[in-house]
């Protein structure tokens, strides 16, 4: 039997958990990072192929973590955002130049960011990786959370002042604590794929609202885009069963010819959509962050940005708490963090929920109203600045 002690034990070494570990890397705290997957398993996972829409606020946070420089050349800048409603004249166009910035955000393949974070984590002197390891049990005490896990077939007992659950939507920590989830099924499926485009995207991200649901094109390369197309589960199932030619024709009709003719670059995959929130963000000496706490609709691409803000705010507050001689697992401290993050979470949920409800309806009055709103917003500088501010992820913490 092995024993180890940490100030902070992070369960989950993905993008959010790894970012938290890096944010605490210069502190005097002893950090433990529990990872279920080996590096080889992570590299082979298809999850690493997904495209991340990074807000400007997120890229600035990644710069502070010291990882942005390693991925900046591979990241495609979003200099323009084109929002339109299929079948109507209304559209809104946002430009980085109007906000006096070089880019409103960036698009990056997840694996590149994962690798950059892993490389930085490997050099952290105050961090111990427990990999591969899986959590088996949790028991809270007056001063520590006691965690039992299995690492390379061997039992390990770990005592930590605070346990951070960053272990994703199927969180083992959340399950062991019996924290229930609030689930709202949208009855929709996100079809994710990549396409080659005849015309260059030239740094433009497209959000196209169709009768079936929102359709996003995110620039990956000059002539290649990541596609997220949301529609009813039944329609998605039928479309996914169609042949490549029929699928491409349907996608072309929904998107139009903004980028000329499109051809598939990867096999479309369907992902059922639900809004999921944990019933509680905290437990005794435990805090939930990222997808362990919340999973939101992909419209507007807010998921990872929200999770990274969880990690950034938590790291700042932990360091301040410890600097003042406080306990990072103190229940009042965790409650204050949860209260602060809940405001951001609810704001993002209201925003994404509102977009889904307004732009997934083919009601004639609602269609006319949203079309008029897009026209008005495109012509009022103050409204465009506010939308740019939101798109860049500012004013969220």
Protein backbone atom coordinates (compact mmCIF):
# COMPACT_ATOMS: atom_id res chain seq x y z
CA UNK A 1 0.00 0.00 0.00
CA UNK A 2 1.34 3.41 -1.02
CA UNK A 3 0.48 6.73 0.56
CA UNK A 4 0.84 10.27 -0.75
CA UNK A 5 -0.33 13.69 0.42
CA UNK A 6 -1.26 16.73 -1.64
CA UNK A 7 -2.67 20.17 -1.06
CA UNK A 8 -4.74 19.97 -4.26
CA UNK A 9 -5.69 16.73 -5.99
CA UNK A 10 -7.02 17.28 -9.52
CA UNK A 11 -8.96 14.33 -10.89
CA UNK A 12 -8.89 14.50 -14.67
CA UNK A 13 -5.92 15.59 -16.76
CA UNK A 14 -7.78 16.85 -19.81
CA UNK A 15 -7.87 20.39 -21.10
CA UNK A 16 -9.56 21.90 -18.04
CA UNK A 17 -7.82 19.80 -15.38
CA UNK A 18 -4.44 20.25 -17.06
CA UNK A 19 -5.00 24.01 -17.30
CA UNK A 20 -5.76 24.20 -13.58
CA UNK A 21 -2.57 22.25 -12.82
CA UNK A 22 -0.55 24.71 -14.92
CA UNK A 23 -2.23 27.72 -13.31
CA UNK A 24 -1.08 26.42 -9.91
CA UNK A 25 2.35 25.41 -11.24
CA UNK A 26 4.25 28.38 -9.77
CA UNK A 27 2.65 28.09 -6.34
CA UNK A 28 4.18 26.37 -3.31
CA UNK A 29 1.25 23.96 -3.24
CA UNK A 30 1.72 20.23 -3.72
CA UNK A 31 -0.42 19.26 -6.71
CA UNK A 32 -1.54 15.76 -7.65
CA UNK A 33 -2.99 15.06 -11.09
CA UNK A 34 -4.97 11.85 -11.58
CA UNK A 35 -5.31 10.73 -15.21
CA UNK A 36 -7.28 7.68 -16.31
CA UNK A 37 -5.76 7.50 -19.79
CA UNK A 38 -2.16 6.83 -20.67
CA UNK A 39 -0.52 9.27 -23.07
CA UNK A 40 -0.79 6.66 -25.85
CA UNK A 41 -4.53 6.18 -25.21
CA UNK A 42 -5.08 9.92 -25.23
CA UNK A 43 -3.24 10.30 -28.55
CA UNK A 44 -5.41 7.55 -30.08
CA UNK A 45 -8.71 9.02 -28.83
CA UNK A 46 -10.94 10.59 -31.51
CA UNK A 47 -11.93 13.27 -28.97
CA UNK A 48 -8.64 15.00 -29.72
CA UNK A 49 -9.70 15.63 -33.31
CA UNK A 50 -12.53 18.02 -32.41
CA UNK A 51 -12.24 21.71 -33.21
CA UNK A 52 -12.20 24.17 -30.32
CA UNK A 53 -13.59 27.68 -30.71
CA UNK A 54 -11.37 29.77 -28.45
CA UNK A 55 -12.57 33.21 -27.42
CA UNK A 56 -10.06 36.04 -27.20
CA UNK A 57 -10.34 35.88 -23.42
CA UNK A 58 -9.39 32.20 -23.58
CA UNK A 59 -6.34 32.81 -25.75
CA UNK A 60 -5.15 35.43 -23.27
CA UNK A 61 -5.55 32.92 -20.43
CA UNK A 62 -3.56 30.37 -22.43
CA UNK A 63 -0.81 32.95 -22.90
CA UNK A 64 -0.67 33.39 -19.12
CA UNK A 65 -0.35 29.63 -18.74
CA UNK A 66 2.59 29.63 -21.16
CA UNK A 67 1.02 27.30 -23.74
CA UNK A 68 -0.28 29.67 -26.40
CA UNK A 69 3.10 30.21 -28.04
CA UNK A 70 3.35 26.47 -28.74
CA UNK A 71 0.01 26.36 -30.61
CA UNK A 72 -0.43 29.89 -31.97
CA UNK A 73 0.87 29.10 -35.48
CA UNK A 74 -1.56 26.18 -35.81
CA UNK A 75 -4.55 28.20 -34.59
CA UNK A 76 -6.73 29.82 -37.24
CA UNK A 77 -7.69 33.38 -36.27
CA UNK A 78 -11.35 34.42 -36.41
CA UNK A 79 -11.28 37.96 -37.75
CA UNK A 80 -14.89 38.06 -38.88
CA UNK A 81 -18.13 36.46 -37.64
CA UNK A 82 -20.99 36.22 -40.12
CA UNK A 83 -24.43 35.52 -38.61
CA UNK A 84 -27.37 34.91 -40.94
CA UNK A 85 -30.84 33.37 -41.08
CA UNK A 86 -31.40 31.05 -44.04
CA UNK A 87 -34.16 32.24 -46.35
CA UNK A 88 -34.12 35.81 -45.01
CA UNK A 89 -32.15 38.95 -45.74
CA UNK A 90 -31.16 39.68 -42.12
CA UNK A 91 -27.54 39.24 -41.18
CA UNK A 92 -25.03 40.58 -38.68
CA UNK A 93 -21.32 40.87 -39.41
CA UNK A 94 -18.72 41.34 -36.71
CA UNK A 95 -15.15 42.38 -37.48
CA UNK A 96 -12.07 42.31 -35.26
CA UNK A 97 -11.02 45.70 -36.64
CA UNK A 98 -14.19 47.26 -35.21
CA UNK A 99 -13.11 46.07 -31.76
CA UNK A 100 -9.51 47.26 -32.32
CA UNK A 101 -8.12 43.73 -31.99
CA UNK A 102 -6.32 41.42 -34.41
CA UNK A 103 -8.76 38.53 -33.87
CA UNK A 104 -12.06 37.92 -32.09
CA UNK A 105 -10.93 34.40 -31.28
CA UNK A 106 -9.24 31.36 -32.78
CA UNK A 107 -10.05 27.82 -33.91
CA UNK A 108 -7.70 25.02 -32.89
CA UNK A 109 -7.73 21.24 -33.03
CA UNK A 110 -8.03 19.98 -29.45
CA UNK A 111 -5.10 17.55 -29.65
CA UNK A 112 -2.62 20.35 -30.33
CA UNK A 113 -3.69 22.15 -27.17
CA UNK A 114 -3.73 18.89 -25.19
CA UNK A 115 -0.13 18.16 -26.22
CA UNK A 116 1.04 21.68 -25.34
CA UNK A 117 -0.55 21.44 -21.90
CA UNK A 118 0.93 17.98 -21.29
CA UNK A 119 4.39 19.22 -22.18
CA UNK A 120 4.11 22.10 -19.71
CA UNK A 121 2.67 19.86 -17.00
CA UNK A 122 5.63 17.50 -17.36
CA UNK A 123 8.02 20.30 -16.37
CA UNK A 124 6.09 21.47 -13.28
CA UNK A 125 8.22 20.81 -10.19
CA UNK A 126 5.36 20.90 -7.68
CA UNK A 127 3.18 18.41 -9.54
CA UNK A 128 2.92 14.62 -9.38
CA UNK A 129 1.11 12.70 -12.10
CA UNK A 130 -0.78 9.57 -11.12
CA UNK A 131 -1.23 7.89 -14.49
CA UNK A 132 -2.94 5.70 -15.43
CA UNK A 133 -5.07 5.77 -12.32
CA UNK A 134 -8.78 5.49 -11.52
CA UNK A 135 -10.68 6.72 -8.49
CA UNK A 136 -12.32 3.97 -6.44
CA UNK A 137 -13.58 5.78 -3.35
CA UNK A 138 -13.78 9.08 -1.46
CA UNK A 139 -14.08 9.82 2.24
CA UNK A 140 -13.99 13.30 3.74
CA UNK A 141 -12.32 14.10 7.05
CA UNK A 142 -12.06 17.30 9.11
CA UNK A 143 -8.81 18.35 7.41
CA UNK A 144 -8.47 16.18 4.30
CA UNK A 145 -10.30 14.30 1.61
CA UNK A 146 -9.13 10.70 1.53
CA UNK A 147 -9.08 9.20 -1.95
CA UNK A 148 -8.53 5.57 -2.80
CA UNK A 149 -7.50 4.72 -6.32
CA UNK A 150 -5.93 2.05 -8.47
CA UNK A 151 -2.71 2.97 -10.24
CA UNK A 152 -1.09 0.43 -12.56
CA UNK A 153 -2.92 -2.33 -10.71
CA UNK A 154 -1.68 -1.16 -7.31
CA UNK A 155 -3.84 0.36 -4.55
CA UNK A 156 -2.97 3.92 -3.61
CA UNK A 157 -4.38 6.04 -0.79
CA UNK A 158 -4.14 9.80 -1.18
CA UNK A 159 -4.96 12.54 1.31
CA UNK A 160 -5.65 16.00 -0.09
CA UNK A 161 -6.90 19.25 1.40
CA UNK A 162 -9.03 19.83 -1.70
CA UNK A 163 -10.16 17.47 -4.44
CA UNK A 164 -11.05 19.07 -7.78
CA UNK A 165 -13.26 17.00 -10.06
CA UNK A 166 -12.28 17.80 -13.65
CA UNK A 167 -13.04 14.31 -14.92
CA UNK A 168 -15.59 15.18 -17.59
CA UNK A 169 -19.24 14.52 -18.24
CA UNK A 170 -19.08 10.96 -16.87
CA UNK A 171 -17.39 12.19 -13.69
CA UNK A 172 -16.48 9.38 -11.31
CA UNK A 173 -16.04 11.86 -8.46
CA UNK A 174 -19.52 13.30 -8.94
CA UNK A 175 -20.99 9.79 -9.13
CA UNK A 176 -19.20 8.59 -5.96
CA UNK A 177 -20.48 11.62 -4.06
CA UNK A 178 -24.04 10.97 -5.21
CA UNK A 179 -24.41 14.45 -6.71
CA UNK A 180 -27.42 14.31 -9.00
CA UNK A 181 -27.66 16.09 -12.33
CA UNK A 182 -30.29 18.39 -13.74
CA UNK A 183 -30.82 17.28 -17.33
CA UNK A 184 -32.76 19.01 -20.08
CA UNK A 185 -32.93 17.03 -23.30
CA UNK A 186 -33.03 19.39 -26.29
CA UNK A 187 -34.28 16.60 -28.53
CA UNK A 188 -31.52 17.63 -30.91
CA UNK A 189 -28.38 16.07 -32.30
CA UNK A 190 -25.21 17.90 -33.33
CA UNK A 191 -23.74 16.53 -36.54
CA UNK A 192 -20.01 17.20 -36.54
CA UNK A 193 -17.79 16.91 -39.58
CA UNK A 194 -15.14 18.72 -41.61
CA UNK A 195 -15.39 20.03 -45.16
CA UNK A 196 -13.12 21.34 -47.88
CA UNK A 197 -14.36 24.58 -49.39
CA UNK A 198 -13.94 25.96 -52.88
CA UNK A 199 -13.43 29.50 -51.60
CA UNK A 200 -11.07 30.43 -48.73
CA UNK A 201 -12.68 31.19 -45.38
CA UNK A 202 -10.21 34.06 -44.85
CA UNK A 203 -10.65 34.06 -41.09
CA UNK A 204 -14.46 34.10 -41.17
CA UNK A 205 -16.63 31.99 -38.86
CA UNK A 206 -20.20 31.48 -40.00
CA UNK A 207 -23.25 30.96 -37.80
CA UNK A 208 -26.15 30.12 -40.06
CA UNK A 209 -29.60 29.63 -38.55
CA UNK A 210 -31.70 27.19 -40.56
CA UNK A 211 -35.23 25.78 -40.05
CA UNK A 212 -33.58 22.54 -38.90
CA UNK A 213 -31.34 24.30 -36.37
CA UNK A 214 -28.07 26.26 -36.04
CA UNK A 215 -25.26 25.51 -38.50
CA UNK A 216 -21.71 26.67 -37.75
CA UNK A 217 -18.65 26.72 -40.03
CA UNK A 218 -15.38 27.33 -38.20
CA UNK A 219 -12.19 27.90 -40.24
CA UNK A 220 -9.54 25.24 -39.64
CA UNK A 221 -7.38 26.00 -42.65
CA UNK A 222 -7.72 28.38 -45.58
CA UNK A 223 -9.90 25.93 -47.53
CA UNK A 224 -11.06 23.69 -44.70
CA UNK A 225 -13.72 24.22 -42.04
CA UNK A 226 -15.14 22.39 -39.07
CA UNK A 227 -18.92 22.00 -39.22
CA UNK A 228 -21.41 21.68 -36.37
CA UNK A 229 -24.98 21.27 -37.59
CA UNK A 230 -27.76 20.99 -35.04
CA UNK A 231 -31.15 19.47 -35.85
CA UNK A 232 -33.81 17.20 -34.41
CA UNK A 233 -32.67 13.75 -33.40
CA UNK A 234 -34.94 12.14 -36.00
CA UNK A 235 -33.73 14.36 -38.85
CA UNK A 236 -30.11 13.80 -37.83
CA UNK A 237 -30.53 10.03 -37.75
CA UNK A 238 -32.03 10.05 -41.26
CA UNK A 239 -29.33 12.35 -42.62
CA UNK A 240 -26.52 10.33 -41.08
CA UNK A 241 -27.88 7.21 -42.77
CA UNK A 242 -27.83 8.90 -46.18
CA UNK A 243 -24.95 8.59 -48.58
CA UNK A 244 -22.10 11.08 -48.86
CA UNK A 245 -23.54 12.74 -51.95
CA UNK A 246 -26.97 13.24 -50.38
CA UNK A 247 -25.47 14.51 -47.11
CA UNK A 248 -23.23 16.98 -48.94
CA UNK A 249 -26.15 18.25 -51.02
CA UNK A 250 -28.25 18.81 -47.89
CA UNK A 251 -25.41 20.63 -46.17
CA UNK A 252 -24.75 22.77 -49.24
CA UNK A 253 -28.41 23.73 -49.45
CA UNK A 254 -28.56 24.68 -45.77
CA UNK A 255 -25.33 26.68 -45.76
CA UNK A 256 -25.49 28.19 -49.22
CA UNK A 257 -22.51 29.13 -51.35
CA UNK A 258 -20.76 31.59 -49.07
CA UNK A 259 -17.63 29.44 -49.48
CA UNK A 260 -18.43 28.02 -52.89
CA UNK A 261 -18.88 24.28 -53.33
CA UNK A 262 -18.11 22.04 -50.37
CA UNK A 263 -16.88 18.45 -50.17
CA UNK A 264 -16.67 16.23 -47.11
CA UNK A 265 -13.25 15.89 -45.47
CA UNK A 266 -14.32 13.53 -42.65
CA UNK A 267 -17.17 11.18 -41.82
CA UNK A 268 -20.08 12.96 -40.10
CA UNK A 269 -20.72 11.97 -36.48
CA UNK A 270 -23.87 12.57 -34.42
CA UNK A 271 -23.89 13.71 -30.79
CA UNK A 272 -27.21 13.98 -28.86
CA UNK A 273 -27.53 17.36 -27.13
CA UNK A 274 -28.54 17.94 -23.53
CA UNK A 275 -28.11 20.75 -21.04
CA UNK A 276 -26.61 19.09 -17.98
CA UNK A 277 -25.80 20.73 -14.66
CA UNK A 278 -24.68 19.08 -11.46
CA UNK A 279 -27.11 19.71 -8.63
CA UNK A 280 -24.25 21.10 -6.56
CA UNK A 281 -20.88 22.57 -7.51
CA UNK A 282 -19.34 21.62 -4.16
CA UNK A 283 -19.25 18.91 -1.53
CA UNK A 284 -17.05 18.48 1.54
CA UNK A 285 -13.53 19.35 0.32
CA UNK A 286 -14.61 18.81 -3.30
CA UNK A 287 -15.27 21.23 -6.16
CA UNK A 288 -16.58 20.36 -9.62
CA UNK A 289 -15.32 22.21 -12.71
CA UNK A 290 -15.64 21.91 -16.49
CA UNK A 291 -17.86 19.18 -17.91
CA UNK A 292 -18.02 17.47 -14.53
CA UNK A 293 -20.16 20.45 -13.49
CA UNK A 294 -21.84 21.56 -16.72
CA UNK A 295 -22.42 20.52 -20.32
CA UNK A 296 -24.08 23.11 -22.53
CA UNK A 297 -25.42 23.40 -26.08
CA UNK A 298 -22.60 23.86 -28.62
CA UNK A 299 -24.25 26.88 -30.29
CA UNK A 300 -21.81 29.84 -30.02
CA UNK A 301 -19.00 27.45 -29.02
CA UNK A 302 -18.91 28.37 -25.33
CA UNK A 303 -18.15 24.98 -23.71
CA UNK A 304 -14.36 24.94 -23.34
CA UNK A 305 -14.21 28.69 -22.77
CA UNK A 306 -16.55 28.29 -19.80
CA UNK A 307 -14.53 25.38 -18.40
CA UNK A 308 -11.26 27.27 -18.69
CA UNK A 309 -12.77 30.19 -16.79
CA UNK A 310 -13.71 27.69 -14.05
CA UNK A 311 -10.06 26.68 -13.78
CA UNK A 312 -8.65 30.22 -13.99
CA UNK A 313 -10.94 31.64 -11.32
CA UNK A 314 -10.39 28.65 -9.03
CA UNK A 315 -6.60 28.93 -9.33
CA UNK A 316 -6.68 32.65 -8.52
CA UNK A 317 -8.88 32.10 -5.48
CA UNK A 318 -6.91 29.13 -4.19
CA UNK A 319 -3.66 31.08 -4.35
CA UNK A 320 -5.23 34.06 -2.57
CA UNK A 321 -6.76 31.80 0.09
CA UNK A 322 -3.47 30.04 0.80
CA UNK A 323 -1.50 33.30 0.74
CA UNK A 324 -3.70 34.52 3.60
CA UNK A 325 -3.12 31.30 5.52
CA UNK A 326 -6.52 29.84 4.69
CA UNK A 327 -7.58 26.28 3.93
CA UNK A 328 -8.31 25.65 0.23
CA UNK A 329 -10.87 23.02 1.22
CA UNK A 330 -12.76 25.28 3.63
CA UNK A 331 -16.51 25.06 3.01
CA UNK A 332 -17.06 28.83 3.13
CA UNK A 333 -14.26 29.36 0.62
CA UNK A 334 -15.75 26.78 -1.74
CA UNK A 335 -19.22 28.34 -1.36
CA UNK A 336 -17.87 31.76 -2.34
CA UNK A 337 -16.19 30.30 -5.42
CA UNK A 338 -19.39 28.47 -6.40
CA UNK A 339 -21.44 31.64 -6.01
CA UNK A 340 -19.05 33.59 -8.24
CA UNK A 341 -18.97 30.94 -10.96
CA UNK A 342 -22.70 30.33 -10.89
CA UNK A 343 -23.33 33.82 -12.27
CA UNK A 344 -21.14 33.15 -15.31
CA UNK A 345 -22.64 29.70 -15.83
CA UNK A 346 -26.22 30.96 -15.69
CA UNK A 347 -25.38 33.83 -18.05
CA UNK A 348 -23.93 31.44 -20.64
CA UNK A 349 -26.89 29.07 -20.28
CA UNK A 350 -29.37 31.92 -20.78
CA UNK A 351 -27.46 33.09 -23.86
CA UNK A 352 -27.13 29.67 -25.52
CA UNK A 353 -30.65 28.60 -24.52
CA UNK A 354 -32.05 31.81 -25.96
CA UNK A 355 -30.25 31.27 -29.27
CA UNK A 356 -31.52 27.71 -29.50
CA UNK A 357 -35.13 28.69 -28.77
CA UNK A 358 -35.20 31.73 -31.03
CA UNK A 359 -33.28 30.32 -34.00
CA UNK A 360 -34.59 26.74 -33.98
CA UNK A 361 -38.17 27.82 -34.54
CA UNK A 362 -39.76 28.26 -37.97
CA UNK A 363 -42.67 30.28 -36.55
CA UNK A 364 -43.40 33.10 -39.01
CA UNK A 365 -43.74 35.91 -36.41
CA UNK A 366 -40.56 34.79 -34.63
CA UNK A 367 -38.74 34.40 -37.93
CA UNK A 368 -39.62 37.96 -38.94
CA UNK A 369 -38.62 39.32 -35.53
CA UNK A 370 -35.20 37.65 -35.48
CA UNK A 371 -34.55 38.70 -39.07
CA UNK A 372 -35.31 42.31 -38.14
CA UNK A 373 -33.08 42.01 -35.06
CA UNK A 374 -30.14 40.85 -37.18
CA UNK A 375 -30.61 43.79 -39.55
CA UNK A 376 -30.84 46.32 -36.73
CA UNK A 377 -27.87 44.87 -34.87
CA UNK A 378 -25.74 45.03 -38.01
CA UNK A 379 -26.44 48.76 -38.31
CA UNK A 380 -26.03 49.89 -34.70
CA UNK A 381 -22.35 50.19 -33.71
CA UNK A 382 -23.07 50.02 -29.97
CA UNK A 383 -24.98 46.75 -30.39
CA UNK A 384 -22.17 45.28 -32.49
CA UNK A 385 -19.57 46.30 -29.91
CA UNK A 386 -21.59 44.58 -27.18
CA UNK A 387 -21.87 41.40 -29.25
CA UNK A 388 -18.13 41.53 -30.04
CA UNK A 389 -17.40 41.94 -26.34
CA UNK A 390 -19.45 38.82 -25.62
CA UNK A 391 -17.87 36.84 -28.49
CA UNK A 392 -14.39 37.65 -27.16
CA UNK A 393 -15.31 36.28 -23.72
CA UNK A 394 -14.85 39.54 -21.85
CA UNK A 395 -16.73 40.60 -18.76
CA UNK A 396 -17.44 37.00 -17.78
CA UNK A 397 -15.49 36.51 -14.58
